[in-house]
Amino acid sequence: MGKHSRPGPPNQPSRAVPRVDADDSLAAYEKRRRPPLDVWRRHRPLHGGGGHVRPDDARALEEWNGFAYAPAGTAANLEQAQRWVNEQAPGGEPAA
């Protein structure tokens, strides 16, 4: 293996970034508008710390708006926050 080669089989494309369609003139622009790692919704503890610590504490809900994560509300606990994250992604696709 070379010094700068990526891990994994050499015959498969990297899964770290979404592919860009060469026929689409706006593909590069749309790629920049995608959220990091395709996470459209996320939750964060209101009082800091790890997301798994103190599951009964409130969580801040954030949604990707095309440029950055914007506040979308709050959840009373970790279970409700995870349910909100997994509901629906923008465009009617199930969130992963």
PDB file of N, CA and C in Angstrom:
ATOM      1  N   MET A   1       0.831  -1.191   0.000  1.00  0.00           N
ATOM      2  CA  MET A   1       0.000   0.000   0.000  1.00  0.00           C
ATOM      3  C   MET A   1       0.868   1.245   0.000  1.00  0.00           C
ATOM      4  N   GLY A   2       0.412   2.218  -0.723  1.00  0.00           N
ATOM      5  CA  GLY A   2       1.135   3.477  -0.774  1.00  0.00           C
ATOM      6  C   GLY A   2       0.880   4.314   0.467  1.00  0.00           C
ATOM      7  N   LYS A   3       1.640   5.337   0.583  1.00  0.00           N
ATOM      8  CA  LYS A   3       1.543   6.194   1.761  1.00  0.00           C
ATOM      9  C   LYS A   3       0.190   6.903   1.864  1.00  0.00           C
ATOM     10  N   HIS A   4      -0.406   7.267   0.728  1.00  0.00           N
ATOM     11  CA  HIS A   4      -1.634   8.049   0.759  1.00  0.00           C
ATOM     12  C   HIS A   4      -2.857   7.280   0.260  1.00  0.00           C
ATOM     13  N   SER A   5      -2.799   5.991   0.204  1.00  0.00           N
ATOM     14  CA  SER A   5      -3.959   5.243  -0.288  1.00  0.00           C
ATOM     15  C   SER A   5      -5.007   5.132   0.812  1.00  0.00           C
ATOM     16  N   ARG A   6      -6.259   5.076   0.397  1.00  0.00           N
ATOM     17  CA  ARG A   6      -7.345   4.969   1.371  1.00  0.00           C
ATOM     18  C   ARG A   6      -7.567   3.504   1.720  1.00  0.00           C
ATOM     19  N   PRO A   7      -8.100   3.229   2.892  1.00  0.00           N
ATOM     20  CA  PRO A   7      -8.371   1.847   3.260  1.00  0.00           C
ATOM     21  C   PRO A   7      -9.542   1.289   2.455  1.00  0.00           C
ATOM     22  N   GLY A   8      -9.591   0.004   2.332  1.00  0.00           N
ATOM     23  CA  GLY A   8     -10.684  -0.641   1.625  1.00  0.00           C
ATOM     24  C   GLY A   8     -10.245  -1.167   0.279  1.00  0.00           C
ATOM     25  N   PRO A   9     -11.141  -1.896  -0.372  1.00  0.00           N
ATOM     26  CA  PRO A   9     -10.805  -2.471  -1.674  1.00  0.00           C
ATOM     27  C   PRO A   9     -10.566  -1.382  -2.714  1.00  0.00           C
ATOM     28  N   PRO A  10      -9.591  -1.561  -3.591  1.00  0.00           N
ATOM     29  CA  PRO A  10      -9.280  -0.526  -4.585  1.00  0.00           C
ATOM     30  C   PRO A  10     -10.320  -0.404  -5.692  1.00  0.00           C
ATOM     31  N   ASN A  11     -11.191  -1.402  -5.847  1.00  0.00           N
ATOM     32  CA  ASN A  11     -12.168  -1.367  -6.927  1.00  0.00           C
ATOM     33  C   ASN A  11     -13.504  -0.761  -6.507  1.00  0.00           C
ATOM     34  N   GLN A  12     -13.610  -0.209  -5.297  1.00  0.00           N
ATOM     35  CA  GLN A  12     -14.852   0.389  -4.834  1.00  0.00           C
ATOM     36  C   GLN A  12     -14.635   1.871  -4.547  1.00  0.00           C
ATOM     37  N   PRO A  13     -15.617   2.703  -4.902  1.00  0.00           N
ATOM     38  CA  PRO A  13     -15.477   4.134  -4.623  1.00  0.00           C
ATOM     39  C   PRO A  13     -15.601   4.406  -3.124  1.00  0.00           C
ATOM     40  N   SER A  14     -15.076   5.514  -2.697  1.00  0.00           N
ATOM     41  CA  SER A  14     -15.157   5.907  -1.301  1.00  0.00           C
ATOM     42  C   SER A  14     -16.604   6.209  -0.942  1.00  0.00           C
ATOM     43  N   ARG A  15     -17.029   5.828   0.260  1.00  0.00           N
ATOM     44  CA  ARG A  15     -18.384   6.117   0.734  1.00  0.00           C
ATOM     45  C   ARG A  15     -18.409   7.335   1.643  1.00  0.00           C
ATOM     46  N   ALA A  16     -17.278   8.008   1.804  1.00  0.00           N
ATOM     47  CA  ALA A  16     -17.205   9.142   2.719  1.00  0.00           C
ATOM     48  C   ALA A  16     -17.968  10.356   2.201  1.00  0.00           C
ATOM     49  N   VAL A  17     -18.029  10.550   0.897  1.00  0.00           N
ATOM     50  CA  VAL A  17     -18.739  11.689   0.324  1.00  0.00           C
ATOM     51  C   VAL A  17     -19.668  11.191  -0.773  1.00  0.00           C
ATOM     52  N   PRO A  18     -20.814  11.819  -0.949  1.00  0.00           N
ATOM     53  CA  PRO A  18     -21.710  11.396  -2.020  1.00  0.00           C
ATOM     54  C   PRO A  18     -21.095  11.644  -3.391  1.00  0.00           C
ATOM     55  N   ARG A  19     -21.468  10.827  -4.344  1.00  0.00           N
ATOM     56  CA  ARG A  19     -20.959  10.972  -5.717  1.00  0.00           C
ATOM     57  C   ARG A  19     -21.552  12.205  -6.375  1.00  0.00           C
ATOM     58  N   VAL A  20     -20.814  12.772  -7.318  1.00  0.00           N
ATOM     59  CA  VAL A  20     -21.267  13.931  -8.081  1.00  0.00           C
ATOM     60  C   VAL A  20     -21.607  13.455  -9.481  1.00  0.00           C
ATOM     61  N   ASP A  21     -22.807  13.785  -9.950  1.00  0.00           N
ATOM     62  CA  ASP A  21     -23.244  13.404 -11.286  1.00  0.00           C
ATOM     63  C   ASP A  21     -22.579  14.317 -12.310  1.00  0.00           C
ATOM     64  N   ALA A  22     -21.817  13.750 -13.230  1.00  0.00           N
ATOM     65  CA  ALA A  22     -21.086  14.539 -14.223  1.00  0.00           C
ATOM     66  C   ALA A  22     -22.020  15.234 -15.209  1.00  0.00           C
ATOM     67  N   ASP A  23     -23.224  14.699 -15.437  1.00  0.00           N
ATOM     68  CA  ASP A  23     -24.162  15.284 -16.394  1.00  0.00           C
ATOM     69  C   ASP A  23     -24.958  16.447 -15.807  1.00  0.00           C
ATOM     70  N   ASP A  24     -24.980  16.584 -14.506  1.00  0.00           N
ATOM     71  CA  ASP A  24     -25.754  17.630 -13.849  1.00  0.00           C
ATOM     72  C   ASP A  24     -24.869  18.856 -13.647  1.00  0.00           C
ATOM     73  N   SER A  25     -25.259  19.982 -14.226  1.00  0.00           N
ATOM     74  CA  SER A  25     -24.436  21.191 -14.131  1.00  0.00           C
ATOM     75  C   SER A  25     -24.430  21.780 -12.721  1.00  0.00           C
ATOM     76  N   LEU A  26     -25.445  21.478 -11.911  1.00  0.00           N
ATOM     77  CA  LEU A  26     -25.517  22.003 -10.547  1.00  0.00           C
ATOM     78  C   LEU A  26     -25.078  20.991  -9.496  1.00  0.00           C
ATOM     79  N   ALA A  27     -24.478  19.896  -9.906  1.00  0.00           N
ATOM     80  CA  ALA A  27     -24.123  18.827  -8.976  1.00  0.00           C
ATOM     81  C   ALA A  27     -23.131  19.284  -7.909  1.00  0.00           C
ATOM     82  N   ALA A  28     -22.132  20.061  -8.285  1.00  0.00           N
ATOM     83  CA  ALA A  28     -21.144  20.522  -7.307  1.00  0.00           C
ATOM     84  C   ALA A  28     -21.791  21.444  -6.280  1.00  0.00           C
ATOM     85  N   TYR A  29     -22.703  22.305  -6.730  1.00  0.00           N
ATOM     86  CA  TYR A  29     -23.418  23.203  -5.828  1.00  0.00           C
ATOM     87  C   TYR A  29     -24.289  22.403  -4.864  1.00  0.00           C
ATOM     88  N   GLU A  30     -25.047  21.432  -5.386  1.00  0.00           N
ATOM     89  CA  GLU A  30     -25.914  20.626  -4.547  1.00  0.00           C
ATOM     90  C   GLU A  30     -25.115  19.785  -3.562  1.00  0.00           C
ATOM     91  N   LYS A  31     -23.937  19.353  -3.945  1.00  0.00           N
ATOM     92  CA  LYS A  31     -23.088  18.584  -3.042  1.00  0.00           C
ATOM     93  C   LYS A  31     -22.687  19.436  -1.836  1.00  0.00           C
ATOM     94  N   ARG A  32     -22.392  20.711  -2.069  1.00  0.00           N
ATOM     95  CA  ARG A  32     -22.023  21.589  -0.955  1.00  0.00           C
ATOM     96  C   ARG A  32     -23.202  21.873  -0.043  1.00  0.00           C
ATOM     97  N   ARG A  33     -24.428  21.775  -0.552  1.00  0.00           N
ATOM     98  CA  ARG A  33     -25.624  22.051   0.246  1.00  0.00           C
ATOM     99  C   ARG A  33     -26.071  20.860   1.075  1.00  0.00           C
ATOM    100  N   ARG A  34     -25.457  19.685   0.866  1.00  0.00           N
ATOM    101  CA  ARG A  34     -25.828  18.499   1.628  1.00  0.00           C
ATOM    102  C   ARG A  34     -25.273  18.596   3.040  1.00  0.00           C
ATOM    103  N   PRO A  35     -25.988  18.082   4.024  1.00  0.00           N
ATOM    104  CA  PRO A  35     -25.471  18.123   5.395  1.00  0.00           C
ATOM    105  C   PRO A  35     -24.280  17.187   5.563  1.00  0.00           C
ATOM    106  N   PRO A  36     -23.448  17.423   6.553  1.00  0.00           N
ATOM    107  CA  PRO A  36     -22.324  16.536   6.799  1.00  0.00           C
ATOM    108  C   PRO A  36     -22.789  15.098   7.025  1.00  0.00           C
ATOM    109  N   LEU A  37     -22.222  14.170   6.295  1.00  0.00           N
ATOM    110  CA  LEU A  37     -22.537  12.738   6.388  1.00  0.00           C
ATOM    111  C   LEU A  37     -24.024  12.448   6.202  1.00  0.00           C
ATOM    112  N   ASP A  38     -24.719  13.316   5.465  1.00  0.00           N
ATOM    113  CA  ASP A  38     -26.147  13.145   5.162  1.00  0.00           C
ATOM    114  C   ASP A  38     -27.022  13.027   6.408  1.00  0.00           C
ATOM    115  N   VAL A  39     -26.701  13.767   7.459  1.00  0.00           N
ATOM    116  CA  VAL A  39     -27.502  13.796   8.681  1.00  0.00           C
ATOM    117  C   VAL A  39     -28.360  15.050   8.618  1.00  0.00           C
ATOM    118  N   TRP A  40     -29.659  14.877   8.287  1.00  0.00           N
ATOM    119  CA  TRP A  40     -30.566  16.017   8.127  1.00  0.00           C
ATOM    120  C   TRP A  40     -31.050  16.558   9.467  1.00  0.00           C
ATOM    121  N   ARG A  41     -31.222  15.680  10.436  1.00  0.00           N
ATOM    122  CA  ARG A  41     -31.686  16.090  11.757  1.00  0.00           C
ATOM    123  C   ARG A  41     -30.749  15.519  12.811  1.00  0.00           C
ATOM    124  N   ARG A  42     -30.534  16.296  13.872  1.00  0.00           N
ATOM    125  CA  ARG A  42     -29.714  15.804  14.972  1.00  0.00           C
ATOM    126  C   ARG A  42     -30.220  16.395  16.276  1.00  0.00           C
ATOM    127  N   HIS A  43     -29.755  15.829  17.385  1.00  0.00           N
ATOM    128  CA  HIS A  43     -30.117  16.354  18.698  1.00  0.00           C
ATOM    129  C   HIS A  43     -28.862  16.485  19.539  1.00  0.00           C
ATOM    130  N   ARG A  44     -28.869  17.463  20.436  1.00  0.00           N
ATOM    131  CA  ARG A  44     -27.751  17.733  21.332  1.00  0.00           C
ATOM    132  C   ARG A  44     -28.294  17.951  22.745  1.00  0.00           C
ATOM    133  N   PRO A  45     -27.575  17.495  23.780  1.00  0.00           N
ATOM    134  CA  PRO A  45     -28.002  17.790  25.154  1.00  0.00           C
ATOM    135  C   PRO A  45     -27.970  19.299  25.406  1.00  0.00           C
ATOM    136  N   LEU A  46     -28.963  19.819  26.103  1.00  0.00           N
ATOM    137  CA  LEU A  46     -29.018  21.256  26.364  1.00  0.00           C
ATOM    138  C   LEU A  46     -27.889  21.715  27.278  1.00  0.00           C
ATOM    139  N   HIS A  47     -27.437  20.856  28.175  1.00  0.00           N
ATOM    140  CA  HIS A  47     -26.439  21.257  29.159  1.00  0.00           C
ATOM    141  C   HIS A  47     -25.066  20.676  28.854  1.00  0.00           C
ATOM    142  N   GLY A  48     -24.812  20.337  27.583  1.00  0.00           N
ATOM    143  CA  GLY A  48     -23.511  19.837  27.176  1.00  0.00           C
ATOM    144  C   GLY A  48     -23.293  18.383  27.560  1.00  0.00           C
ATOM    145  N   GLY A  49     -22.125  17.888  27.265  1.00  0.00           N
ATOM    146  CA  GLY A  49     -21.798  16.506  27.575  1.00  0.00           C
ATOM    147  C   GLY A  49     -22.137  15.585  26.426  1.00  0.00           C
ATOM    148  N   GLY A  50     -21.892  14.314  26.636  1.00  0.00           N
ATOM    149  CA  GLY A  50     -22.173  13.304  25.618  1.00  0.00           C
ATOM    150  C   GLY A  50     -23.660  13.068  25.452  1.00  0.00           C
ATOM    151  N   GLY A  51     -24.063  12.658  24.259  1.00  0.00           N
ATOM    152  CA  GLY A  51     -25.471  12.450  23.969  1.00  0.00           C
ATOM    153  C   GLY A  51     -26.082  11.285  24.727  1.00  0.00           C
ATOM    154  N   HIS A  52     -25.263  10.326  25.141  1.00  0.00           N
ATOM    155  CA  HIS A  52     -25.773   9.149  25.831  1.00  0.00           C
ATOM    156  C   HIS A  52     -25.827   9.337  27.346  1.00  0.00           C
ATOM    157  N   VAL A  53     -25.191  10.382  27.858  1.00  0.00           N
ATOM    158  CA  VAL A  53     -25.156  10.635  29.291  1.00  0.00           C
ATOM    159  C   VAL A  53     -26.457  11.303  29.713  1.00  0.00           C
ATOM    160  N   ARG A  54     -26.993  10.922  30.830  1.00  0.00           N
ATOM    161  CA  ARG A  54     -28.230  11.477  31.387  1.00  0.00           C
ATOM    162  C   ARG A  54     -29.364  11.468  30.362  1.00  0.00           C
ATOM    163  N   PRO A  55     -29.891  10.293  30.033  1.00  0.00           N
ATOM    164  CA  PRO A  55     -30.930  10.191  28.994  1.00  0.00           C
ATOM    165  C   PRO A  55     -32.243  10.877  29.349  1.00  0.00           C
ATOM    166  N   ASP A  56     -32.452  11.266  30.602  1.00  0.00           N
ATOM    167  CA  ASP A  56     -33.700  11.928  30.985  1.00  0.00           C
ATOM    168  C   ASP A  56     -33.636  13.444  30.868  1.00  0.00           C
ATOM    169  N   ASP A  57     -32.476  13.990  30.508  1.00  0.00           N
ATOM    170  CA  ASP A  57     -32.350  15.442  30.346  1.00  0.00           C
ATOM    171  C   ASP A  57     -32.918  15.891  29.004  1.00  0.00           C
ATOM    172  N   ALA A  58     -33.261  17.182  28.927  1.00  0.00           N
ATOM    173  CA  ALA A  58     -33.820  17.763  27.699  1.00  0.00           C
ATOM    174  C   ALA A  58     -32.757  17.833  26.603  1.00  0.00           C
ATOM    175  N   ARG A  59     -33.222  17.817  25.353  1.00  0.00           N
ATOM    176  CA  ARG A  59     -32.340  17.856  24.188  1.00  0.00           C
ATOM    177  C   ARG A  59     -32.770  18.993  23.262  1.00  0.00           C
ATOM    178  N   ALA A  60     -31.789  19.632  22.631  1.00  0.00           N
ATOM    179  CA  ALA A  60     -32.050  20.625  21.586  1.00  0.00           C
ATOM    180  C   ALA A  60     -32.115  19.893  20.259  1.00  0.00           C
ATOM    181  N   LEU A  61     -33.149  20.155  19.475  1.00  0.00           N
ATOM    182  CA  LEU A  61     -33.321  19.526  18.169  1.00  0.00           C
ATOM    183  C   LEU A  61     -32.849  20.492  17.093  1.00  0.00           C
ATOM    184  N   GLU A  62     -32.058  19.986  16.149  1.00  0.00           N
ATOM    185  CA  GLU A  62     -31.513  20.822  15.074  1.00  0.00           C
ATOM    186  C   GLU A  62     -31.783  20.164  13.733  1.00  0.00           C
ATOM    187  N   GLU A  63     -32.098  20.991  12.734  1.00  0.00           N
ATOM    188  CA  GLU A  63     -32.404  20.493  11.395  1.00  0.00           C
ATOM    189  C   GLU A  63     -31.543  21.244  10.375  1.00  0.00           C
ATOM    190  N   TRP A  64     -31.050  20.523   9.373  1.00  0.00           N
ATOM    191  CA  TRP A  64     -30.218  21.115   8.320  1.00  0.00           C
ATOM    192  C   TRP A  64     -31.089  21.950   7.404  1.00  0.00           C
ATOM    193  N   ASN A  65     -30.708  23.215   7.164  1.00  0.00           N
ATOM    194  CA  ASN A  65     -31.513  24.095   6.318  1.00  0.00           C
ATOM    195  C   ASN A  65     -30.874  24.367   4.961  1.00  0.00           C
ATOM    196  N   GLY A  66     -29.805  23.646   4.643  1.00  0.00           N
ATOM    197  CA  GLY A  66     -29.125  23.850   3.374  1.00  0.00           C
ATOM    198  C   GLY A  66     -27.792  24.552   3.526  1.00  0.00           C
ATOM    199  N   PHE A  67     -27.591  25.206   4.660  1.00  0.00           N
ATOM    200  CA  PHE A  67     -26.341  25.917   4.901  1.00  0.00           C
ATOM    201  C   PHE A  67     -25.734  25.553   6.255  1.00  0.00           C
ATOM    202  N   ALA A  68     -26.581  25.356   7.253  1.00  0.00           N
ATOM    203  CA  ALA A  68     -26.109  25.059   8.606  1.00  0.00           C
ATOM    204  C   ALA A  68     -27.251  24.390   9.380  1.00  0.00           C
ATOM    205  N   TYR A  69     -26.937  23.879  10.550  1.00  0.00           N
ATOM    206  CA  TYR A  69     -27.983  23.323  11.412  1.00  0.00           C
ATOM    207  C   TYR A  69     -28.678  24.471  12.131  1.00  0.00           C
ATOM    208  N   ALA A  70     -30.019  24.479  12.074  1.00  0.00           N
ATOM    209  CA  ALA A  70     -30.816  25.521  12.709  1.00  0.00           C
ATOM    210  C   ALA A  70     -31.657  24.894  13.816  1.00  0.00           C
ATOM    211  N   PRO A  71     -31.903  25.630  14.905  1.00  0.00           N
ATOM    212  CA  PRO A  71     -32.741  25.092  15.983  1.00  0.00           C
ATOM    213  C   PRO A  71     -34.145  24.778  15.461  1.00  0.00           C
ATOM    214  N   ALA A  72     -34.662  23.611  15.873  1.00  0.00           N
ATOM    215  CA  ALA A  72     -35.994  23.201  15.434  1.00  0.00           C
ATOM    216  C   ALA A  72     -36.922  22.923  16.601  1.00  0.00           C
ATOM    217  N   GLY A  73     -36.422  23.008  17.820  1.00  0.00           N
ATOM    218  CA  GLY A  73     -37.259  22.772  18.984  1.00  0.00           C
ATOM    219  C   GLY A  73     -36.486  22.054  20.070  1.00  0.00           C
ATOM    220  N   THR A  74     -37.244  21.505  21.018  1.00  0.00           N
ATOM    221  CA  THR A  74     -36.639  20.751  22.112  1.00  0.00           C
ATOM    222  C   THR A  74     -37.399  19.449  22.309  1.00  0.00           C
ATOM    223  N   ALA A  75     -36.743  18.510  22.947  1.00  0.00           N
ATOM    224  CA  ALA A  75     -37.362  17.239  23.322  1.00  0.00           C
ATOM    225  C   ALA A  75     -37.123  17.036  24.807  1.00  0.00           C
ATOM    226  N   ALA A  76     -38.067  16.411  25.469  1.00  0.00           N
ATOM    227  CA  ALA A  76     -37.987  16.238  26.918  1.00  0.00           C
ATOM    228  C   ALA A  76     -36.903  15.254  27.335  1.00  0.00           C
ATOM    229  N   ASN A  77     -36.602  14.273  26.478  1.00  0.00           N
ATOM    230  CA  ASN A  77     -35.595  13.272  26.857  1.00  0.00           C
ATOM    231  C   ASN A  77     -34.971  12.667  25.595  1.00  0.00           C
ATOM    232  N   LEU A  78     -34.026  11.761  25.803  1.00  0.00           N
ATOM    233  CA  LEU A  78     -33.301  11.144  24.697  1.00  0.00           C
ATOM    234  C   LEU A  78     -34.232  10.337  23.792  1.00  0.00           C
ATOM    235  N   GLU A  79     -35.177   9.618  24.363  1.00  0.00           N
ATOM    236  CA  GLU A  79     -36.081   8.786  23.560  1.00  0.00           C
ATOM    237  C   GLU A  79     -36.902   9.628  22.583  1.00  0.00           C
ATOM    238  N   GLN A  80     -37.458  10.736  23.061  1.00  0.00           N
ATOM    239  CA  GLN A  80     -38.240  11.608  22.188  1.00  0.00           C
ATOM    240  C   GLN A  80     -37.364  12.248  21.114  1.00  0.00           C
ATOM    241  N   ALA A  81     -36.138  12.609  21.477  1.00  0.00           N
ATOM    242  CA  ALA A  81     -35.226  13.218  20.511  1.00  0.00           C
ATOM    243  C   ALA A  81     -34.879  12.225  19.411  1.00  0.00           C
ATOM    244  N   GLN A  82     -34.599  10.982  19.762  1.00  0.00           N
ATOM    245  CA  GLN A  82     -34.276   9.967  18.756  1.00  0.00           C
ATOM    246  C   GLN A  82     -35.471   9.681  17.867  1.00  0.00           C
ATOM    247  N   ARG A  83     -36.669   9.684  18.432  1.00  0.00           N
ATOM    248  CA  ARG A  83     -37.881   9.463  17.637  1.00  0.00           C
ATOM    249  C   ARG A  83     -38.044  10.593  16.613  1.00  0.00           C
ATOM    250  N   TRP A  84     -37.804  11.836  17.028  1.00  0.00           N
ATOM    251  CA  TRP A  84     -37.913  12.977  16.115  1.00  0.00           C
ATOM    252  C   TRP A  84     -36.874  12.882  15.003  1.00  0.00           C
ATOM    253  N   VAL A  85     -35.649  12.518  15.336  1.00  0.00           N
ATOM    254  CA  VAL A  85     -34.583  12.410  14.344  1.00  0.00           C
ATOM    255  C   VAL A  85     -34.944  11.379  13.280  1.00  0.00           C
ATOM    256  N   ASN A  86     -35.565  10.283  13.688  1.00  0.00           N
ATOM    257  CA  ASN A  86     -35.853   9.180  12.760  1.00  0.00           C
ATOM    258  C   ASN A  86     -37.204   9.293  12.061  1.00  0.00           C
ATOM    259  N   GLU A  87     -37.997  10.334  12.297  1.00  0.00           N
ATOM    260  CA  GLU A  87     -39.326  10.466  11.691  1.00  0.00           C
ATOM    261  C   GLU A  87     -39.257  10.525  10.174  1.00  0.00           C
ATOM    262  N   GLN A  88     -38.967  11.668   9.630  1.00  0.00           N
ATOM    263  CA  GLN A  88     -38.899  11.878   8.175  1.00  0.00           C
ATOM    264  C   GLN A  88     -37.821  12.878   7.849  1.00  0.00           C
ATOM    265  N   ALA A  89     -37.054  12.592   6.817  1.00  0.00           N
ATOM    266  CA  ALA A  89     -36.075  13.546   6.323  1.00  0.00           C
ATOM    267  C   ALA A  89     -36.773  14.486   5.339  1.00  0.00           C
ATOM    268  N   PRO A  90     -36.196  15.654   5.047  1.00  0.00           N
ATOM    269  CA  PRO A  90     -36.797  16.546   4.055  1.00  0.00           C
ATOM    270  C   PRO A  90     -36.943  15.836   2.712  1.00  0.00           C
ATOM    271  N   GLY A  91     -38.031  16.107   2.026  1.00  0.00           N
ATOM    272  CA  GLY A  91     -38.273  15.485   0.738  1.00  0.00           C
ATOM    273  C   GLY A  91     -39.053  14.181   0.852  1.00  0.00           C
ATOM    274  N   GLY A  92     -39.515  13.834   2.062  1.00  0.00           N
ATOM    275  CA  GLY A  92     -40.336  12.641   2.239  1.00  0.00           C
ATOM    276  C   GLY A  92     -39.580  11.348   2.334  1.00  0.00           C
ATOM    277  N   GLU A  93     -38.253  11.387   2.398  1.00  0.00           N
ATOM    278  CA  GLU A  93     -37.472  10.165   2.515  1.00  0.00           C
ATOM    279  C   GLU A  93     -37.284   9.819   3.986  1.00  0.00           C
ATOM    280  N   PRO A  94     -37.357   8.547   4.359  1.00  0.00           N
ATOM    281  CA  PRO A  94     -37.109   8.173   5.752  1.00  0.00           C
ATOM    282  C   PRO A  94     -35.693   8.526   6.152  1.00  0.00           C
ATOM    283  N   ALA A  95     -35.537   9.083   7.336  1.00  0.00           N
ATOM    284  CA  ALA A  95     -34.192   9.429   7.818  1.00  0.00           C
ATOM    285  C   ALA A  95     -33.449   8.155   8.190  1.00  0.00           C
ATOM    286  N   ALA A  96     -32.146   8.139   7.938  1.00  0.00           N
ATOM    287  CA  ALA A  96     -31.347   6.969   8.275  1.00  0.00           C
ATOM    288  C   ALA A  96     -30.530   7.190   9.501  1.00  0.00           C
TER     289      ALA A  96
END
